[in-house]
């Protein structure tokens, strides 16, 4: 009996995809409150309410991204599996490369993500600056932007190499974020980003 239990545990550990799928399938059956974002970071389940301030920043960025990205290449709060143990993220915004298409399961591949935006929530901010940033760098996501409505600043991470971002810039709300020399190819305005 003990051998069988050990084998089951080993099998689950060997297949992150199966384990993530099982976790998400279970979550879909649970009564998650409306307006909450659910994601799995390093095997831990996080639920965070989306605040109005959070949504306004997301909407502002999406509206600006529409100059380059058609709606079928943008995702918000949609599961994307990233490198690392049990990382099924629901990015606030993910922009996909030009020829990207969902896989046979209807999910985006992390290899096709060229821009991620996360707007922090107090309870999950450590994820955005820690394990999620590490996973995005490991996945070689070219541009990662973290908007912090509590401090009124954005952290811009670019040029991932060997699993780390080599460039880290801070931009205050109200200043432009120049992404013209990145895959994004735009300048984002932050003057309408609200503070919390």
Protein backbone atom coordinates (compact mmCIF):
# COMPACT_ATOMS: atom_id res chain seq x y z
CA UNK A 1 0.00 0.00 0.00
CA UNK A 2 2.76 2.47 0.85
CA UNK A 3 4.47 1.79 -2.48
CA UNK A 4 1.30 2.65 -4.40
CA UNK A 5 0.88 5.93 -2.50
CA UNK A 6 4.51 6.85 -3.16
CA UNK A 7 4.09 6.06 -6.85
CA UNK A 8 1.02 8.31 -7.08
CA UNK A 9 2.86 11.16 -5.43
CA UNK A 10 5.87 10.67 -7.70
CA UNK A 11 3.63 10.63 -10.77
CA UNK A 12 1.92 13.87 -9.74
CA UNK A 13 5.28 15.54 -9.13
CA UNK A 14 6.57 14.44 -12.53
CA UNK A 15 3.70 16.07 -14.42
CA UNK A 16 3.28 19.75 -13.60
CA UNK A 17 0.72 20.09 -16.39
CA UNK A 18 -1.48 17.32 -15.02
CA UNK A 19 -1.21 18.73 -11.53
CA UNK A 20 -1.99 22.28 -12.67
CA UNK A 21 -4.92 21.01 -14.72
CA UNK A 22 -6.24 19.09 -11.73
CA UNK A 23 -5.86 22.11 -9.46
CA UNK A 24 -7.65 24.41 -11.91
CA UNK A 25 -10.41 21.88 -12.54
CA UNK A 26 -11.01 21.71 -8.79
CA UNK A 27 -11.01 25.51 -8.54
CA UNK A 28 -13.59 25.78 -11.32
CA UNK A 29 -15.96 23.68 -9.20
CA UNK A 30 -15.52 25.89 -6.15
CA UNK A 31 -17.65 28.97 -5.45
CA UNK A 32 -15.09 31.71 -6.18
CA UNK A 33 -16.58 35.13 -5.39
CA UNK A 34 -17.36 37.29 -8.40
CA UNK A 35 -14.66 39.87 -9.09
CA UNK A 36 -11.85 37.72 -7.70
CA UNK A 37 -8.82 36.71 -9.72
CA UNK A 38 -7.52 33.18 -9.09
CA UNK A 39 -4.05 31.94 -9.98
CA UNK A 40 -1.51 29.37 -8.90
CA UNK A 41 1.98 30.60 -8.02
CA UNK A 42 4.54 27.94 -7.15
CA UNK A 43 1.74 25.52 -6.27
CA UNK A 44 -0.04 27.99 -3.98
CA UNK A 45 -3.54 29.21 -4.81
CA UNK A 46 -4.12 32.95 -4.58
CA UNK A 47 -7.42 34.78 -4.80
CA UNK A 48 -7.42 38.56 -4.91
CA UNK A 49 -10.32 40.95 -5.41
CA UNK A 50 -10.02 43.32 -8.33
CA UNK A 51 -10.44 46.87 -7.12
CA UNK A 52 -11.75 49.73 -9.26
CA UNK A 53 -8.32 51.38 -9.27
CA UNK A 54 -6.79 48.10 -10.43
CA UNK A 55 -9.31 47.81 -13.28
CA UNK A 56 -8.85 51.44 -14.42
CA UNK A 57 -5.10 50.93 -14.84
CA UNK A 58 -5.66 47.68 -16.75
CA UNK A 59 -8.23 49.34 -19.02
CA UNK A 60 -5.94 52.32 -19.68
CA UNK A 61 -3.08 50.04 -20.73
CA UNK A 62 -5.31 47.79 -22.87
CA UNK A 63 -6.75 50.83 -24.66
CA UNK A 64 -3.24 52.04 -25.46
CA UNK A 65 -2.05 48.59 -26.56
CA UNK A 66 -4.89 48.43 -29.11
CA UNK A 67 -2.75 50.71 -31.34
CA UNK A 68 -0.50 47.69 -31.99
CA UNK A 69 -2.29 44.59 -30.68
CA UNK A 70 -5.66 43.43 -31.99
CA UNK A 71 -8.03 42.02 -29.35
CA UNK A 72 -7.23 38.42 -30.38
CA UNK A 73 -3.62 38.93 -29.26
CA UNK A 74 -4.43 40.36 -25.82
CA UNK A 75 -5.45 38.42 -22.72
CA UNK A 76 -6.50 39.47 -19.23
CA UNK A 77 -6.99 37.13 -16.28
CA UNK A 78 -6.57 34.14 -18.61
CA UNK A 79 -4.52 31.15 -17.49
CA UNK A 80 -1.04 30.88 -18.96
CA UNK A 81 1.37 28.25 -17.63
CA UNK A 82 4.88 29.55 -17.02
CA UNK A 83 8.18 27.80 -16.22
CA UNK A 84 8.80 26.65 -12.68
CA UNK A 85 6.93 24.32 -10.40
CA UNK A 86 3.13 24.74 -10.69
CA UNK A 87 2.93 28.25 -12.17
CA UNK A 88 -0.49 28.85 -13.72
CA UNK A 89 -0.74 32.64 -13.84
CA UNK A 90 -3.69 34.85 -14.76
CA UNK A 91 -1.75 37.95 -15.87
CA UNK A 92 -3.59 41.24 -15.60
CA UNK A 93 -2.55 41.80 -19.22
CA UNK A 94 -0.57 39.61 -21.59
CA UNK A 95 0.22 40.66 -25.16
CA UNK A 96 1.12 37.95 -27.66
CA UNK A 97 3.51 37.88 -30.59
CA UNK A 98 2.12 38.45 -34.07
CA UNK A 99 1.80 34.82 -35.19
CA UNK A 100 0.78 33.44 -31.80
CA UNK A 101 -2.22 31.16 -31.49
CA UNK A 102 -3.68 29.22 -28.57
CA UNK A 103 -2.58 25.58 -28.28
CA UNK A 104 -4.80 22.51 -28.69
CA UNK A 105 -6.14 23.09 -25.16
CA UNK A 106 -7.12 26.67 -26.02
CA UNK A 107 -4.34 28.16 -23.89
CA UNK A 108 -1.62 30.63 -24.83
CA UNK A 109 1.95 29.38 -24.73
CA UNK A 110 4.34 31.37 -22.55
CA UNK A 111 6.82 31.35 -25.44
CA UNK A 112 4.44 33.65 -27.37
CA UNK A 113 4.06 36.27 -24.62
CA UNK A 114 6.00 39.45 -25.38
CA UNK A 115 4.55 41.80 -22.76
CA UNK A 116 3.04 41.28 -19.31
CA UNK A 117 1.45 43.87 -17.03
CA UNK A 118 0.59 43.22 -13.40
CA UNK A 119 -1.20 45.76 -11.21
CA UNK A 120 -0.38 44.89 -7.64
CA UNK A 121 -2.82 44.11 -4.89
CA UNK A 122 -1.59 44.52 -1.32
CA UNK A 123 -1.91 40.84 -0.44
CA UNK A 124 -0.23 39.47 -3.57
CA UNK A 125 2.41 42.15 -4.31
CA UNK A 126 5.21 39.85 -3.16
CA UNK A 127 4.30 37.44 -5.97
CA UNK A 128 4.53 40.13 -8.65
CA UNK A 129 7.99 41.25 -7.53
CA UNK A 130 9.22 37.74 -6.60
CA UNK A 131 8.22 34.38 -8.07
CA UNK A 132 6.16 35.80 -10.94
CA UNK A 133 8.96 38.16 -11.99
CA UNK A 134 11.38 35.23 -11.83
CA UNK A 135 9.08 33.04 -13.94
CA UNK A 136 8.59 35.78 -16.54
CA UNK A 137 12.37 36.26 -16.77
CA UNK A 138 12.89 32.49 -17.03
CA UNK A 139 10.28 32.43 -19.81
CA UNK A 140 12.20 35.27 -21.53
CA UNK A 141 9.15 37.57 -21.61
CA UNK A 142 10.80 40.63 -23.19
CA UNK A 143 8.90 43.30 -21.23
CA UNK A 144 7.33 43.05 -17.77
CA UNK A 145 5.59 46.05 -16.19
CA UNK A 146 4.37 46.21 -12.59
CA UNK A 147 2.04 49.12 -11.77
CA UNK A 148 1.76 49.99 -8.09
CA UNK A 149 -1.25 52.22 -7.32
CA UNK A 150 -0.21 52.43 -3.65
CA UNK A 151 3.13 54.15 -4.40
CA UNK A 152 2.16 55.71 -7.73
CA UNK A 153 5.07 54.06 -9.52
CA UNK A 154 5.67 51.50 -12.25
CA UNK A 155 8.56 49.07 -12.30
CA UNK A 156 9.69 48.19 -15.81
CA UNK A 157 11.76 45.05 -16.35
CA UNK A 158 13.35 44.34 -19.73
CA UNK A 159 16.14 42.40 -21.42
CA UNK A 160 15.85 38.99 -19.77
CA UNK A 161 19.07 36.96 -19.85
CA UNK A 162 19.76 33.62 -18.15
CA UNK A 163 16.54 33.80 -16.12
CA UNK A 164 16.94 37.38 -14.87
CA UNK A 165 15.90 40.81 -16.06
CA UNK A 166 19.01 42.88 -16.70
CA UNK A 167 17.26 46.26 -16.88
CA UNK A 168 15.03 47.60 -14.09
CA UNK A 169 13.53 51.09 -14.36
CA UNK A 170 11.11 52.97 -12.13
CA UNK A 171 8.64 55.39 -13.72
CA UNK A 172 6.32 57.58 -11.67
CA UNK A 173 2.63 57.77 -12.52
CA UNK A 174 2.21 60.79 -14.80
CA UNK A 175 5.40 60.08 -16.75
CA UNK A 176 5.49 58.28 -20.09
CA UNK A 177 6.85 54.73 -20.30
CA UNK A 178 8.96 54.53 -23.43
CA UNK A 179 8.68 51.03 -24.89
CA UNK A 180 9.53 52.05 -28.45
CA UNK A 181 12.84 50.14 -28.39
CA UNK A 182 11.19 46.93 -27.16
CA UNK A 183 8.92 44.35 -28.81
CA UNK A 184 5.95 46.45 -27.64
CA UNK A 185 7.02 49.40 -29.81
CA UNK A 186 4.80 51.98 -28.08
CA UNK A 187 4.95 54.74 -25.49
CA UNK A 188 2.47 54.20 -22.66
CA UNK A 189 0.91 57.22 -20.98
CA UNK A 190 0.37 56.91 -17.23
CA UNK A 191 -1.18 60.29 -16.51
CA UNK A 192 -4.62 58.71 -16.04
CA UNK A 193 -3.42 55.90 -13.74
CA UNK A 194 -5.31 56.37 -10.46
CA UNK A 195 -3.71 55.90 -7.05
CA UNK A 196 -5.10 53.89 -4.18
